[in-house]
PDB file of N, CA and C in Angstrom:
ATOM      1  N   MET A   1     119.405 124.555  73.464  1.00  0.00           N
ATOM      2  CA  MET A   1     120.013 124.926  74.616  1.00  0.00           C
ATOM      3  C   MET A   1     121.599 124.406  74.623  1.00  0.00           C
ATOM      4  N   ASN A   2     121.901 123.176  74.025  1.00  0.00           N
ATOM      5  CA  ASN A   2     123.344 122.763  73.926  1.00  0.00           C
ATOM      6  C   ASN A   2     124.172 123.518  73.146  1.00  0.00           C
ATOM      7  N   TYR A   3     123.677 124.473  72.223  1.00  0.00           N
ATOM      8  CA  TYR A   3     124.397 124.996  71.325  1.00  0.00           C
ATOM      9  C   TYR A   3     124.534 126.500  71.737  1.00  0.00           C
ATOM     10  N   GLY A   4     123.882 126.885  72.863  1.00  0.00           N
ATOM     11  CA  GLY A   4     123.855 128.209  73.292  1.00  0.00           C
ATOM     12  C   GLY A   4     122.843 129.262  72.659  1.00  0.00           C
ATOM     13  N   ARG A   5     121.907 128.463  71.843  1.00  0.00           N
ATOM     14  CA  ARG A   5     120.912 129.405  71.177  1.00  0.00           C
ATOM     15  C   ARG A   5     119.764 129.643  72.008  1.00  0.00           C
ATOM     16  N   ILE A   6     119.831 129.331  73.238  1.00  0.00           N
ATOM     17  CA  ILE A   6     118.684 129.654  74.172  1.00  0.00           C
ATOM     18  C   ILE A   6     118.558 131.255  74.206  1.00  0.00           C
ATOM     19  N   ASN A   7     119.761 131.863  73.871  1.00  0.00           N
ATOM     20  CA  ASN A   7     119.757 133.285  73.813  1.00  0.00           C
ATOM     21  C   ASN A   7     118.969 134.012  72.735  1.00  0.00           C
ATOM     22  N   LEU A   8     118.662 133.260  71.747  1.00  0.00           N
ATOM     23  CA  LEU A   8     117.826 133.664  70.837  1.00  0.00           C
ATOM     24  C   LEU A   8     116.265 133.849  71.187  1.00  0.00           C
ATOM     25  N   VAL A   9     116.075 133.107  72.237  1.00  0.00           N
ATOM     26  CA  VAL A   9     114.504 133.255  72.692  1.00  0.00           C
ATOM     27  C   VAL A   9     114.531 134.549  73.465  1.00  0.00           C
ATOM     28  N   THR A  10     113.771 135.586  72.941  1.00  0.00           N
ATOM     29  CA  THR A  10     113.748 136.813  73.534  1.00  0.00           C
ATOM     30  C   THR A  10     112.664 136.976  74.703  1.00  0.00           C
ATOM     31  N   ASP A  11     111.853 136.177  74.875  1.00  0.00           N
ATOM     32  CA  ASP A  11     110.792 136.193  75.842  1.00  0.00           C
ATOM     33  C   ASP A  11     111.347 135.527  77.257  1.00  0.00           C
ATOM     34  N   GLU A  12     111.682 136.506  78.198  1.00  0.00           N
ATOM     35  CA  GLU A  12     112.267 136.030  79.405  1.00  0.00           C
ATOM     36  C   GLU A  12     111.731 134.864  80.240  1.00  0.00           C
ATOM     37  N   PRO A  13     110.302 135.093  80.483  1.00  0.00           N
ATOM     38  CA  PRO A  13     109.628 133.805  81.146  1.00  0.00           C
ATOM     39  C   PRO A  13     109.870 132.682  80.220  1.00  0.00           C
ATOM     40  N   LEU A  14     109.580 132.722  79.071  1.00  0.00           N
ATOM     41  CA  LEU A  14     109.907 131.465  78.119  1.00  0.00           C
ATOM     42  C   LEU A  14     111.169 130.808  78.387  1.00  0.00           C
ATOM     43  N   ARG A  15     112.306 131.725  78.070  1.00  0.00           N
ATOM     44  CA  ARG A  15     113.690 131.141  78.390  1.00  0.00           C
ATOM     45  C   ARG A  15     113.727 130.506  79.658  1.00  0.00           C
ATOM     46  N   ALA A  16     113.278 131.264  80.650  1.00  0.00           N
ATOM     47  CA  ALA A  16     113.431 130.656  82.012  1.00  0.00           C
ATOM     48  C   ALA A  16     112.860 129.244  82.256  1.00  0.00           C
ATOM     49  N   MET A  17     111.565 129.044  81.524  1.00  0.00           N
ATOM     50  CA  MET A  17     110.873 127.783  81.526  1.00  0.00           C
ATOM     51  C   MET A  17     111.710 126.734  80.877  1.00  0.00           C
ATOM     52  N   LEU A  18     112.230 127.366  79.854  1.00  0.00           N
ATOM     53  CA  LEU A  18     112.884 126.159  78.813  1.00  0.00           C
ATOM     54  C   LEU A  18     114.308 125.748  79.624  1.00  0.00           C
ATOM     55  N   LEU A  19     114.972 126.689  80.382  1.00  0.00           N
ATOM     56  CA  LEU A  19     116.187 126.383  80.880  1.00  0.00           C
ATOM     57  C   LEU A  19     115.863 125.662  82.140  1.00  0.00           C
ATOM     58  N   ASN A  20     114.670 125.631  82.777  1.00  0.00           N
ATOM     59  CA  ASN A  20     114.328 124.473  83.956  1.00  0.00           C
ATOM     60  C   ASN A  20     113.699 123.590  83.417  1.00  0.00           C
ATOM     61  N   TRP A  21     113.491 123.284  82.154  1.00  0.00           N
ATOM     62  CA  TRP A  21     112.875 122.074  81.677  1.00  0.00           C
ATOM     63  C   TRP A  21     113.763 120.619  82.020  1.00  0.00           C
ATOM     64  N   PRO A  22     114.921 120.635  81.640  1.00  0.00           N
ATOM     65  CA  PRO A  22     115.566 119.477  81.918  1.00  0.00           C
ATOM     66  C   PRO A  22     115.680 119.159  83.485  1.00  0.00           C
ATOM     67  N   GLY A  23     115.757 119.938  84.424  1.00  0.00           N
ATOM     68  CA  GLY A  23     115.633 119.729  85.714  1.00  0.00           C
ATOM     69  C   GLY A  23     114.442 119.185  86.144  1.00  0.00           C
ATOM     70  N   LEU A  24     113.348 119.744  85.588  1.00  0.00           N
ATOM     71  CA  LEU A  24     111.887 119.172  85.962  1.00  0.00           C
ATOM     72  C   LEU A  24     111.726 117.924  85.474  1.00  0.00           C
ATOM     73  N   VAL A  25     112.263 117.570  84.296  1.00  0.00           N
ATOM     74  CA  VAL A  25     112.241 116.208  83.584  1.00  0.00           C
ATOM     75  C   VAL A  25     112.955 115.253  84.353  1.00  0.00           C
ATOM     76  N   GLU A  26     113.957 115.573  85.036  1.00  0.00           N
ATOM     77  CA  GLU A  26     114.859 114.825  85.720  1.00  0.00           C
ATOM     78  C   GLU A  26     114.200 114.326  87.029  1.00  0.00           C
ATOM     79  N   ASP A  27     113.490 115.380  87.633  1.00  0.00           N
ATOM     80  CA  ASP A  27     112.670 115.177  88.899  1.00  0.00           C
ATOM     81  C   ASP A  27     111.647 114.361  88.869  1.00  0.00           C
ATOM     82  N   MET A  28     110.936 114.565  87.520  1.00  0.00           N
ATOM     83  CA  MET A  28     109.784 113.593  87.182  1.00  0.00           C
ATOM     84  C   MET A  28     110.210 112.094  87.064  1.00  0.00           C
ATOM     85  N   VAL A  29     111.404 111.864  86.311  1.00  0.00           N
ATOM     86  CA  VAL A  29     111.954 110.587  86.079  1.00  0.00           C
ATOM     87  C   VAL A  29     112.233 110.118  87.369  1.00  0.00           C
ATOM     88  N   GLU A  30     112.851 110.779  88.459  1.00  0.00           N
ATOM     89  CA  GLU A  30     113.349 110.333  89.638  1.00  0.00           C
ATOM     90  C   GLU A  30     112.210 109.771  90.367  1.00  0.00           C
ATOM     91  N   GLY A  31     111.198 110.594  90.621  1.00  0.00           N
ATOM     92  CA  GLY A  31     109.868 110.344  91.082  1.00  0.00           C
ATOM     93  C   GLY A  31     109.439 108.912  90.731  1.00  0.00           C
ATOM     94  N   GLU A  32     109.278 108.930  89.186  1.00  0.00           N
ATOM     95  CA  GLU A  32     108.645 107.715  88.839  1.00  0.00           C
ATOM     96  C   GLU A  32     109.439 106.198  89.013  1.00  0.00           C
ATOM     97  N   VAL A  33     110.969 106.491  89.082  1.00  0.00           N
ATOM     98  CA  VAL A  33     111.755 105.524  89.442  1.00  0.00           C
ATOM     99  C   VAL A  33     111.286 105.143  91.047  1.00  0.00           C
ATOM    100  N   ASP A  34     111.430 106.241  91.769  1.00  0.00           N
ATOM    101  CA  ASP A  34     111.166 105.860  93.241  1.00  0.00           C
ATOM    102  C   ASP A  34     109.705 105.177  93.384  1.00  0.00           C
ATOM    103  N   GLN A  35     108.832 105.527  92.520  1.00  0.00           N
ATOM    104  CA  GLN A  35     107.531 104.882  92.628  1.00  0.00           C
ATOM    105  C   GLN A  35     107.514 103.382  92.348  1.00  0.00           C
ATOM    106  N   LYS A  36     108.062 103.169  91.387  1.00  0.00           N
ATOM    107  CA  LYS A  36     108.196 101.621  90.676  1.00  0.00           C
ATOM    108  C   LYS A  36     109.169 101.046  91.785  1.00  0.00           C
ATOM    109  N   ASP A  37     110.023 101.454  92.314  1.00  0.00           N
ATOM    110  CA  ASP A  37     110.681 100.810  93.488  1.00  0.00           C
ATOM    111  C   ASP A  37     110.178 100.495  94.649  1.00  0.00           C
ATOM    112  N   PHE A  38     109.320 101.389  94.968  1.00  0.00           N
ATOM    113  CA  PHE A  38     108.187 101.089  96.080  1.00  0.00           C
ATOM    114  C   PHE A  38     107.224 100.105  95.676  1.00  0.00           C
ATOM    115  N   GLN A  39     106.797 100.061  94.579  1.00  0.00           N
ATOM    116  CA  GLN A  39     105.647  99.093  94.135  1.00  0.00           C
ATOM    117  C   GLN A  39     106.361  97.693  93.900  1.00  0.00           C
ATOM    118  N   VAL A  40     107.482  97.513  93.809  1.00  0.00           N
ATOM    119  CA  VAL A  40     108.324  96.404  93.423  1.00  0.00           C
ATOM    120  C   VAL A  40     108.790  95.785  94.561  1.00  0.00           C
ATOM    121  N   GLU A  41     109.532  96.818  95.548  1.00  0.00           N
ATOM    122  CA  GLU A  41     110.141  96.229  96.795  1.00  0.00           C
ATOM    123  C   GLU A  41     109.269  96.184  97.897  1.00  0.00           C
ATOM    124  N   ILE A  42     108.305  97.008  98.001  1.00  0.00           N
ATOM    125  CA  ILE A  42     107.418  97.187  99.421  1.00  0.00           C
ATOM    126  C   ILE A  42     105.968  96.675  98.995  1.00  0.00           C
ATOM    127  N   TYR A  43     105.271  97.413  98.119  1.00  0.00           N
ATOM    128  CA  TYR A  43     103.738  96.980  98.006  1.00  0.00           C
ATOM    129  C   TYR A  43     103.528  95.941  97.473  1.00  0.00           C
ATOM    130  N   ALA A  44     104.100  95.380  96.320  1.00  0.00           N
ATOM    131  CA  ALA A  44     103.647  94.062  95.894  1.00  0.00           C
ATOM    132  C   ALA A  44     104.080  92.924  96.737  1.00  0.00           C
ATOM    133  N   PRO A  45     105.205  92.809  97.438  1.00  0.00           N
ATOM    134  CA  PRO A  45     105.501  91.574  98.392  1.00  0.00           C
ATOM    135  C   PRO A  45     104.538  91.724  99.497  1.00  0.00           C
ATOM    136  N   PHE A  46     103.955  92.819  99.887  1.00  0.00           N
ATOM    137  CA  PHE A  46     103.041  93.000 100.875  1.00  0.00           C
ATOM    138  C   PHE A  46     101.687  92.435 100.568  1.00  0.00           C
ATOM    139  N   ILE A  47     101.364  92.818  99.314  1.00  0.00           N
ATOM    140  CA  ILE A  47     100.106  92.314  98.778  1.00  0.00           C
ATOM    141  C   ILE A  47     100.123  90.931  98.502  1.00  0.00           C
ATOM    142  N   ILE A  48     101.141  90.443  97.860  1.00  0.00           N
ATOM    143  CA  ILE A  48     101.370  89.008  97.777  1.00  0.00           C
ATOM    144  C   ILE A  48     101.148  88.222  98.997  1.00  0.00           C
ATOM    145  N   GLU A  49     101.772  88.662 100.125  1.00  0.00           N
ATOM    146  CA  GLU A  49     101.836  87.924 101.316  1.00  0.00           C
ATOM    147  C   GLU A  49     100.484  87.964 102.108  1.00  0.00           C
ATOM    148  N   TYR A  50      99.786  89.067 101.849  1.00  0.00           N
ATOM    149  CA  TYR A  50      98.527  89.198 102.922  1.00  0.00           C
ATOM    150  C   TYR A  50      97.318  89.118 102.019  1.00  0.00           C
ATOM    151  N   LEU A  51      97.256  89.263 100.731  1.00  0.00           N
ATOM    152  CA  LEU A  51      95.991  89.205 100.053  1.00  0.00           C
ATOM    153  C   LEU A  51      95.756  87.687  99.508  1.00  0.00           C
ATOM    154  N   SER A  52      94.684  87.261  99.894  1.00  0.00           N
ATOM    155  CA  SER A  52      94.191  85.922  99.444  1.00  0.00           C
ATOM    156  C   SER A  52      93.616  86.163  97.965  1.00  0.00           C
ATOM    157  N   LEU A  53      94.490  85.673  97.024  1.00  0.00           N
ATOM    158  CA  LEU A  53      93.866  85.581  95.650  1.00  0.00           C
ATOM    159  C   LEU A  53      92.643  84.615  95.552  1.00  0.00           C
ATOM    160  N   ASN A  54      92.602  83.562  96.285  1.00  0.00           N
ATOM    161  CA  ASN A  54      91.469  82.554  96.475  1.00  0.00           C
ATOM    162  C   ASN A  54      90.204  83.514  96.995  1.00  0.00           C
ATOM    163  N   ARG A  55      90.386  84.163  97.939  1.00  0.00           N
ATOM    164  CA  ARG A  55      89.194  84.972  98.410  1.00  0.00           C
ATOM    165  C   ARG A  55      88.721  86.008  97.407  1.00  0.00           C
ATOM    166  N   VAL A  56      89.741  86.618  96.420  1.00  0.00           N
ATOM    167  CA  VAL A  56      89.228  87.537  95.584  1.00  0.00           C
ATOM    168  C   VAL A  56      88.681  86.703  94.199  1.00  0.00           C
ATOM    169  N   TYR A  57      89.096  85.562  94.040  1.00  0.00           N
ATOM    170  CA  TYR A  57      88.641  84.769  93.056  1.00  0.00           C
ATOM    171  C   TYR A  57      87.136  84.439  93.454  1.00  0.00           C
ATOM    172  N   ASN A  58      86.989  83.851  94.534  1.00  0.00           N
ATOM    173  CA  ASN A  58      85.706  83.354  95.002  1.00  0.00           C
ATOM    174  C   ASN A  58      84.749  84.663  95.168  1.00  0.00           C
ATOM    175  N   LYS A  59      85.220  85.695  95.470  1.00  0.00           N
ATOM    176  CA  LYS A  59      84.254  86.898  95.707  1.00  0.00           C
ATOM    177  C   LYS A  59      83.755  87.479  94.284  1.00  0.00           C
ATOM    178  N   PHE A  60      84.691  87.565  93.506  1.00  0.00           N
ATOM    179  CA  PHE A  60      84.421  88.314  91.945  1.00  0.00           C
ATOM    180  C   PHE A  60      84.428  87.490  90.888  1.00  0.00           C
ATOM    181  N   ALA A  61      84.841  86.542  90.846  1.00  0.00           N
ATOM    182  CA  ALA A  61      84.908  85.566  89.739  1.00  0.00           C
ATOM    183  C   ALA A  61      83.428  85.131  89.349  1.00  0.00           C
ATOM    184  N   SER A  62      83.380  84.938  88.009  1.00  0.00           N
ATOM    185  CA  SER A  62      81.924  84.614  87.725  1.00  0.00           C
ATOM    186  C   SER A  62      82.037  83.093  87.845  1.00  0.00           C
ATOM    187  N   LYS A  63      80.603  82.437  88.174  1.00  0.00           N
ATOM    188  CA  LYS A  63      80.779  81.077  88.443  1.00  0.00           C
ATOM    189  C   LYS A  63      81.089  80.222  87.056  1.00  0.00           C
ATOM    190  N   SER A  64      81.009  80.914  86.090  1.00  0.00           N
ATOM    191  CA  SER A  64      81.503  80.100  84.858  1.00  0.00           C
ATOM    192  C   SER A  64      82.866  79.973  84.707  1.00  0.00           C
ATOM    193  N   PHE A  65      83.677  80.448  85.545  1.00  0.00           N
ATOM    194  CA  PHE A  65      85.147  80.566  85.726  1.00  0.00           C
ATOM    195  C   PHE A  65      85.591  79.288  86.649  1.00  0.00           C
ATOM    196  N   ARG A  66      84.678  78.998  87.386  1.00  0.00           N
ATOM    197  CA  ARG A  66      85.161  78.112  88.419  1.00  0.00           C
ATOM    198  C   ARG A  66      85.698  76.752  87.918  1.00  0.00           C
ATOM    199  N   GLY A  67      86.798  76.550  88.495  1.00  0.00           N
ATOM    200  CA  GLY A  67      87.561  75.151  88.122  1.00  0.00           C
ATOM    201  C   GLY A  67      88.379  75.627  86.826  1.00  0.00           C
ATOM    202  N   GLY A  68      88.387  76.736  86.497  1.00  0.00           N
ATOM    203  CA  GLY A  68      89.274  77.247  85.215  1.00  0.00           C
ATOM    204  C   GLY A  68      90.743  77.482  85.445  1.00  0.00           C
ATOM    205  N   PRO A  69      91.074  78.221  84.731  1.00  0.00           N
ATOM    206  CA  PRO A  69      92.568  78.650  84.857  1.00  0.00           C
ATOM    207  C   PRO A  69      93.070  79.443  85.997  1.00  0.00           C
ATOM    208  N   PHE A  70      92.034  80.097  86.834  1.00  0.00           N
ATOM    209  CA  PHE A  70      92.516  80.668  88.171  1.00  0.00           C
ATOM    210  C   PHE A  70      92.909  79.750  89.218  1.00  0.00           C
ATOM    211  N   ASP A  71      92.538  78.449  89.080  1.00  0.00           N
ATOM    212  CA  ASP A  71      92.890  77.695  90.207  1.00  0.00           C
ATOM    213  C   ASP A  71      94.446  77.604  90.526  1.00  0.00           C
ATOM    214  N   VAL A  72      95.254  77.693  89.574  1.00  0.00           N
ATOM    215  CA  VAL A  72      96.880  77.713  89.659  1.00  0.00           C
ATOM    216  C   VAL A  72      97.225  78.699  90.829  1.00  0.00           C
ATOM    217  N   TYR A  73      96.385  79.993  90.976  1.00  0.00           N
ATOM    218  CA  TYR A  73      96.748  80.905  92.107  1.00  0.00           C
ATOM    219  C   TYR A  73      96.311  80.626  93.323  1.00  0.00           C
ATOM    220  N   ARG A  74      95.488  79.637  93.389  1.00  0.00           N
ATOM    221  CA  ARG A  74      94.911  79.259  94.946  1.00  0.00           C
ATOM    222  C   ARG A  74      96.069  78.828  95.798  1.00  0.00           C
ATOM    223  N   ARG A  75      96.246  79.488  96.826  1.00  0.00           N
ATOM    224  CA  ARG A  75      97.181  79.176  97.886  1.00  0.00           C
ATOM    225  C   ARG A  75      96.756  79.771  99.196  1.00  0.00           C
ATOM    226  N   GLU A  76      97.725  79.369 100.194  1.00  0.00           N
ATOM    227  CA  GLU A  76      97.440  79.813 101.720  1.00  0.00           C
ATOM    228  C   GLU A  76      98.072  81.170 101.842  1.00  0.00           C
ATOM    229  N   THR A  77      97.622  81.967 102.741  1.00  0.00           N
ATOM    230  CA  THR A  77      98.359  83.240 103.001  1.00  0.00           C
ATOM    231  C   THR A  77      98.199  83.467 104.621  1.00  0.00           C
ATOM    232  N   ARG A  78      98.862  84.482 104.895  1.00  0.00           N
ATOM    233  CA  ARG A  78      98.589  84.996 106.599  1.00  0.00           C
ATOM    234  C   ARG A  78      97.347  85.496 106.867  1.00  0.00           C
ATOM    235  N   LEU A  79      96.741  85.674 105.842  1.00  0.00           N
ATOM    236  CA  LEU A  79      95.283  86.340 105.989  1.00  0.00           C
ATOM    237  C   LEU A  79      94.555  85.682 106.912  1.00  0.00           C
ATOM    238  N   ILE A  80      93.954  86.330 107.850  1.00  0.00           N
ATOM    239  CA  ILE A  80      93.125  85.886 108.801  1.00  0.00           C
ATOM    240  C   ILE A  80      91.627  85.857 108.484  1.00  0.00           C
ATOM    241  N   PRO A  81      90.891  84.654 108.100  1.00  0.00           N
ATOM    242  CA  PRO A  81      89.559  84.487 107.605  1.00  0.00           C
ATOM    243  C   PRO A  81      88.874  85.183 108.309  1.00  0.00           C
ATOM    244  N   ASN A  82      87.597  85.576 107.652  1.00  0.00           N
ATOM    245  CA  ASN A  82      86.544  86.464 108.441  1.00  0.00           C
ATOM    246  C   ASN A  82      85.592  85.483 109.141  1.00  0.00           C
TER     247      ASN A  82
END
């Protein structure tokens, strides 16, 4: 397309799709960047603030892991206990 060879494609619907391709890729990349920004700037901080890793650990970790490396993640959160 950069060299004007798109005119060699005689199938009109295919040519239209090829011409639209860069814009579609740009839209997809923009959406991925927006999603990443949301996860890093909004979602992750919210989860870190309100999710008790201690509670997750106690509920789902196998008893064989108790006292293991997960203890470094124990901390207080704003989460109201049940």
